[in-house]
Amino acid sequence: MNIILIVLFAFINLFLILFFKRKNAEVEKDHLYRIFCMQDELISEKNKKNKMNDSINQLAEMEENTQQKLTVIQLKLEFMHLFSKTNL
């Protein structure tokens, strides 16, 4: 009778161990999924920020080029104005 109780106790303990181990695995999977989602969101935000910075840099470069072109046009106009005054 004692052996049957010991075996029954061992099976109950084994069942409880396996049950809680499975339960912990589910909680761990859920936790890892949440972490994965958070990391994915952070990477996504970082990519958006990088794209925005690239766009800002491109706009700044275009502005600089436009400013240089305007300066060249202004110098040409001033030269033409001075040249026209001297030819009169």
Protein backbone atom coordinates (compact mmCIF):
# COMPACT_ATOMS: atom_id res chain seq x y z
CA MET A 1 0.00 0.00 0.00
CA ASN A 2 2.85 2.39 0.83
CA ILE A 3 4.51 1.74 -2.53
CA ILE A 4 1.29 2.57 -4.38
CA LEU A 5 0.99 5.85 -2.44
CA ILE A 6 4.63 6.72 -3.18
CA VAL A 7 4.16 5.97 -6.91
CA LEU A 8 0.89 7.94 -6.94
CA PHE A 9 2.62 10.84 -5.17
CA ALA A 10 5.48 10.71 -7.71
CA PHE A 11 3.02 10.77 -10.63
CA ILE A 12 1.11 13.69 -9.12
CA ASN A 13 4.38 15.59 -8.61
CA LEU A 14 5.49 14.79 -12.15
CA PHE A 15 2.13 16.00 -13.51
CA LEU A 16 2.34 19.22 -11.50
CA ILE A 17 5.91 19.85 -12.62
CA LEU A 18 5.03 19.33 -16.29
CA PHE A 19 1.85 21.43 -15.97
CA PHE A 20 3.63 24.41 -14.42
CA LYS A 21 6.58 24.07 -16.78
CA ARG A 22 4.17 24.30 -19.73
CA LYS A 23 2.39 27.24 -18.11
CA ASN A 24 5.73 29.04 -17.63
CA ALA A 25 6.67 28.33 -21.26
CA GLU A 26 3.44 30.01 -22.42
CA VAL A 27 4.11 33.04 -20.23
CA GLU A 28 7.68 33.18 -21.53
CA LYS A 29 6.48 33.00 -25.15
CA ASP A 30 4.04 35.82 -24.51
CA HIS A 31 6.78 37.90 -22.89
CA LEU A 32 9.18 37.25 -25.78
CA TYR A 33 6.46 38.19 -28.27
CA ARG A 34 5.87 41.48 -26.47
CA ILE A 35 9.60 42.21 -26.47
CA PHE A 36 9.77 41.38 -30.20
CA CYS A 37 6.87 43.77 -30.92
CA MET A 38 8.52 46.54 -28.91
CA GLN A 39 11.85 46.03 -30.70
CA ASP A 40 10.08 46.02 -34.08
CA GLU A 41 8.33 49.27 -33.20
CA LEU A 42 11.61 50.87 -32.08
CA ILE A 43 13.35 49.80 -35.30
CA SER A 44 10.44 51.17 -37.31
CA GLU A 45 10.61 54.51 -35.50
CA LYS A 46 14.38 54.62 -36.03
CA ASN A 47 13.93 53.98 -39.76
CA LYS A 48 11.33 56.75 -39.98
CA LYS A 49 13.69 59.11 -38.17
CA ASN A 50 16.56 58.18 -40.50
CA LYS A 51 14.38 58.77 -43.58
CA MET A 52 13.27 62.12 -42.19
CA ASN A 53 16.88 63.14 -41.53
CA ASP A 54 17.85 62.09 -45.06
CA SER A 55 15.01 64.19 -46.47
CA ILE A 56 16.06 67.18 -44.38
CA ASN A 57 19.65 66.82 -45.57
CA GLN A 58 18.51 66.61 -49.19
CA LEU A 59 16.38 69.72 -48.77
CA ALA A 60 19.28 71.59 -47.19
CA GLU A 61 21.53 70.58 -50.08
CA MET A 62 18.91 71.69 -52.62
CA GLU A 63 18.54 75.01 -50.80
CA GLU A 64 22.29 75.52 -50.86
CA ASN A 65 22.45 74.75 -54.59
CA THR A 66 19.55 77.10 -55.27
CA GLN A 67 21.20 79.85 -53.25
CA GLN A 68 24.43 79.41 -55.22
CA LYS A 69 22.51 79.58 -58.50
CA LEU A 70 20.73 82.74 -57.35
CA THR A 71 24.04 84.30 -56.38
CA VAL A 72 25.46 83.51 -59.83
CA ILE A 73 22.40 85.02 -61.51
CA GLN A 74 22.64 88.13 -59.34
CA LEU A 75 26.33 88.56 -60.20
CA LYS A 76 25.56 88.18 -63.90
CA LEU A 77 22.81 90.79 -63.66
CA GLU A 78 25.11 93.21 -61.84
CA PHE A 79 27.82 92.65 -64.44
CA MET A 80 25.34 93.21 -67.26
CA HIS A 81 24.10 96.37 -65.55
CA LEU A 82 27.61 97.72 -65.12
CA PHE A 83 28.54 96.72 -68.66
CA SER A 84 25.48 98.46 -70.09
CA LYS A 85 26.33 101.65 -68.13
CA THR A 86 29.88 101.73 -69.44
CA ASN A 87 28.81 101.25 -73.07
CA LEU A 88 26.48 104.22 -73.01
